[in-house]
N, C-alpha and C. Protein backbone atom coordinates (compact mmCIF):
# COMPACT_ATOMS: atom_id res chain seq x y z
N UNK A 1 10.88 11.53 4.53
CA UNK A 1 9.95 11.08 3.51
C UNK A 1 8.70 11.96 3.57
N UNK A 2 8.26 12.39 2.41
CA UNK A 2 7.09 13.25 2.32
C UNK A 2 5.81 12.45 2.57
N UNK A 3 4.93 12.98 3.41
CA UNK A 3 3.65 12.34 3.68
C UNK A 3 2.59 12.98 2.80
N UNK A 4 1.60 12.18 2.33
CA UNK A 4 0.55 12.77 1.51
C UNK A 4 -0.28 13.75 2.33
N UNK A 5 -0.79 14.76 1.69
CA UNK A 5 -1.62 15.72 2.40
C UNK A 5 -2.94 15.06 2.76
N UNK A 6 -3.67 15.60 3.75
CA UNK A 6 -4.88 14.95 4.23
C UNK A 6 -5.91 14.65 3.14
N UNK A 7 -6.04 15.49 2.13
CA UNK A 7 -7.00 15.26 1.06
C UNK A 7 -6.57 14.14 0.13
N UNK A 8 -5.36 13.70 0.29
CA UNK A 8 -4.85 12.61 -0.54
C UNK A 8 -3.96 13.12 -1.64
N UNK A 9 -3.33 12.23 -2.27
CA UNK A 9 -2.44 12.49 -3.38
C UNK A 9 -2.07 11.15 -3.96
N UNK A 10 -1.40 11.17 -5.08
CA UNK A 10 -1.02 9.89 -5.70
C UNK A 10 -0.11 9.07 -4.79
N UNK A 11 -0.35 7.79 -4.76
CA UNK A 11 0.48 6.86 -3.99
C UNK A 11 1.07 5.82 -4.93
N UNK A 12 2.24 5.33 -4.58
CA UNK A 12 2.88 4.25 -5.36
C UNK A 12 2.92 3.01 -4.48
N UNK A 13 2.45 1.88 -5.02
CA UNK A 13 2.46 0.61 -4.31
C UNK A 13 3.43 -0.32 -5.02
N UNK A 14 4.32 -0.96 -4.27
CA UNK A 14 5.27 -1.88 -4.89
C UNK A 14 5.69 -2.97 -3.90
N UNK A 15 6.04 -4.14 -4.45
CA UNK A 15 6.49 -5.25 -3.60
C UNK A 15 7.80 -4.87 -2.93
N UNK A 16 7.97 -5.26 -1.67
CA UNK A 16 9.19 -4.94 -0.92
C UNK A 16 10.20 -6.07 -0.98
N UNK A 17 11.46 -5.70 -0.92
CA UNK A 17 12.55 -6.62 -0.70
C UNK A 17 12.66 -7.79 -1.65
N UNK A 18 12.35 -7.60 -2.91
CA UNK A 18 12.50 -8.66 -3.90
C UNK A 18 11.51 -9.80 -3.70
N UNK A 19 10.46 -9.54 -2.94
CA UNK A 19 9.45 -10.57 -2.71
C UNK A 19 8.73 -10.91 -4.01
N UNK A 20 8.20 -12.11 -4.05
CA UNK A 20 7.41 -12.51 -5.20
C UNK A 20 6.20 -11.57 -5.30
N UNK A 21 5.99 -11.01 -6.46
CA UNK A 21 4.92 -10.05 -6.63
C UNK A 21 3.60 -10.73 -6.92
N UNK A 22 2.54 -10.15 -6.39
CA UNK A 22 1.19 -10.58 -6.70
C UNK A 22 0.68 -9.65 -7.81
N UNK A 23 -0.50 -9.92 -8.30
CA UNK A 23 -1.14 -9.04 -9.28
C UNK A 23 -1.26 -7.65 -8.65
N UNK A 24 -0.84 -6.58 -9.32
CA UNK A 24 -0.94 -5.24 -8.74
C UNK A 24 -2.37 -4.86 -8.32
N UNK A 25 -3.37 -5.46 -8.95
CA UNK A 25 -4.75 -5.18 -8.56
C UNK A 25 -5.02 -5.64 -7.13
N UNK A 26 -4.29 -6.65 -6.67
CA UNK A 26 -4.44 -7.12 -5.29
C UNK A 26 -3.96 -6.02 -4.34
N UNK A 27 -2.86 -5.39 -4.68
CA UNK A 27 -2.35 -4.29 -3.84
C UNK A 27 -3.34 -3.13 -3.82
N UNK A 28 -3.87 -2.78 -4.98
CA UNK A 28 -4.84 -1.68 -5.06
C UNK A 28 -6.10 -2.01 -4.27
N UNK A 29 -6.52 -3.25 -4.32
CA UNK A 29 -7.71 -3.67 -3.58
C UNK A 29 -7.47 -3.56 -2.07
N UNK A 30 -6.29 -3.93 -1.62
CA UNK A 30 -5.95 -3.82 -0.20
C UNK A 30 -5.94 -2.35 0.23
N UNK A 31 -5.41 -1.48 -0.61
CA UNK A 31 -5.42 -0.05 -0.31
C UNK A 31 -6.85 0.46 -0.25
N UNK A 32 -7.68 0.04 -1.19
CA UNK A 32 -9.08 0.46 -1.20
C UNK A 32 -9.78 0.03 0.09
N UNK A 33 -9.55 -1.20 0.53
CA UNK A 33 -10.16 -1.69 1.77
C UNK A 33 -9.71 -0.84 2.96
N UNK A 34 -8.43 -0.48 2.97
CA UNK A 34 -7.87 0.36 4.04
C UNK A 34 -8.60 1.70 4.08
N UNK A 35 -8.74 2.32 2.92
CA UNK A 35 -9.39 3.63 2.85
C UNK A 35 -10.88 3.53 3.16
N UNK A 36 -11.55 2.46 2.69
CA UNK A 36 -12.98 2.27 2.94
C UNK A 36 -13.26 2.09 4.42
N UNK A 37 -12.27 1.61 5.17
CA UNK A 37 -12.41 1.46 6.62
C UNK A 37 -12.22 2.78 7.35
N UNK A 38 -11.99 3.85 6.58
CA UNK A 38 -11.85 5.18 7.18
C UNK A 38 -10.45 5.50 7.66
N UNK A 39 -9.49 4.69 7.27
CA UNK A 39 -8.11 4.92 7.71
C UNK A 39 -7.41 5.87 6.76
N UNK A 40 -6.40 6.54 7.27
CA UNK A 40 -5.66 7.54 6.51
C UNK A 40 -4.58 6.92 5.62
N UNK A 41 -4.48 7.39 4.37
CA UNK A 41 -3.39 6.89 3.53
C UNK A 41 -2.02 7.28 4.09
N UNK A 42 -1.96 8.40 4.81
CA UNK A 42 -0.70 8.83 5.40
C UNK A 42 -0.13 7.84 6.40
N UNK A 43 -0.99 7.03 7.02
CA UNK A 43 -0.52 6.02 7.97
C UNK A 43 0.29 4.92 7.28
N UNK A 44 0.04 4.71 6.00
CA UNK A 44 0.71 3.64 5.26
C UNK A 44 2.06 4.06 4.68
N UNK A 45 2.21 5.37 4.43
CA UNK A 45 3.45 5.84 3.82
C UNK A 45 4.60 5.58 4.77
N UNK A 46 5.59 4.85 4.29
CA UNK A 46 6.74 4.51 5.11
C UNK A 46 6.54 3.24 5.93
N UNK A 47 5.30 2.94 6.29
CA UNK A 47 5.00 1.75 7.08
C UNK A 47 4.67 0.57 6.19
N UNK A 48 3.93 0.83 5.09
CA UNK A 48 3.54 -0.23 4.17
C UNK A 48 2.39 -1.05 4.70
N UNK A 49 2.12 -2.14 4.01
CA UNK A 49 1.06 -3.03 4.43
C UNK A 49 1.41 -4.45 4.01
N UNK A 50 0.71 -5.40 4.59
CA UNK A 50 0.90 -6.80 4.24
C UNK A 50 -0.37 -7.30 3.56
N UNK A 51 -0.19 -7.90 2.39
CA UNK A 51 -1.31 -8.47 1.63
C UNK A 51 -1.14 -9.98 1.63
N UNK A 52 -2.17 -10.69 2.01
CA UNK A 52 -2.10 -12.15 2.03
C UNK A 52 -2.88 -12.72 0.85
N UNK A 53 -2.22 -13.60 0.10
CA UNK A 53 -2.87 -14.33 -0.99
C UNK A 53 -2.64 -15.81 -0.72
N UNK A 54 -3.69 -16.48 -0.32
CA UNK A 54 -3.53 -17.89 0.07
C UNK A 54 -2.65 -17.97 1.29
N UNK A 55 -1.55 -18.72 1.19
CA UNK A 55 -0.64 -18.88 2.32
C UNK A 55 0.56 -17.95 2.25
N UNK A 56 0.61 -17.11 1.22
CA UNK A 56 1.75 -16.21 1.01
C UNK A 56 1.43 -14.80 1.50
N UNK A 57 2.33 -14.23 2.30
CA UNK A 57 2.20 -12.84 2.75
C UNK A 57 3.13 -11.98 1.89
N UNK A 58 2.58 -10.95 1.29
CA UNK A 58 3.34 -10.03 0.45
C UNK A 58 3.47 -8.70 1.19
N UNK A 59 4.71 -8.24 1.40
CA UNK A 59 4.93 -6.92 1.97
C UNK A 59 4.87 -5.91 0.84
N UNK A 60 4.10 -4.86 1.03
CA UNK A 60 3.90 -3.85 0.01
C UNK A 60 4.35 -2.49 0.55
N UNK A 61 5.27 -1.87 -0.18
CA UNK A 61 5.72 -0.53 0.17
C UNK A 61 4.70 0.46 -0.37
N UNK A 62 4.41 1.48 0.43
CA UNK A 62 3.51 2.57 0.02
C UNK A 62 4.30 3.86 0.13
N UNK A 63 4.45 4.55 -0.98
CA UNK A 63 5.18 5.81 -0.99
C UNK A 63 4.35 6.87 -1.71
N UNK A 64 4.61 8.12 -1.38
CA UNK A 64 3.95 9.21 -2.08
C UNK A 64 4.56 9.32 -3.48
N UNK A 65 3.71 9.32 -4.49
CA UNK A 65 4.19 9.46 -5.86
C UNK A 65 4.46 10.92 -6.15
N UNK A 66 5.51 11.19 -6.86
CA UNK A 66 5.84 12.59 -7.21
C UNK A 66 5.04 13.05 -8.38
C-alpha cells in the first residue's frame, strides 16, 4: 500500500467493514484533530482510526487517494 509523502497528499476516509456510517464531516474532523496534534497522516494509512459518536465506535479506513 502506498504511503502519503511527508508533505501530505489526498486521503480517502471511509467506514470499515459495513459498519453504520456517521456523517463524513465527523471523519474529517477526527482527521483534523489528529493532524492538529502534530501526528503524521502516514501513520493512519493502513491502520485507520476509531471515531466515537455517543456510545457507538466507528472504524474508519484511511487510504491514500489516487
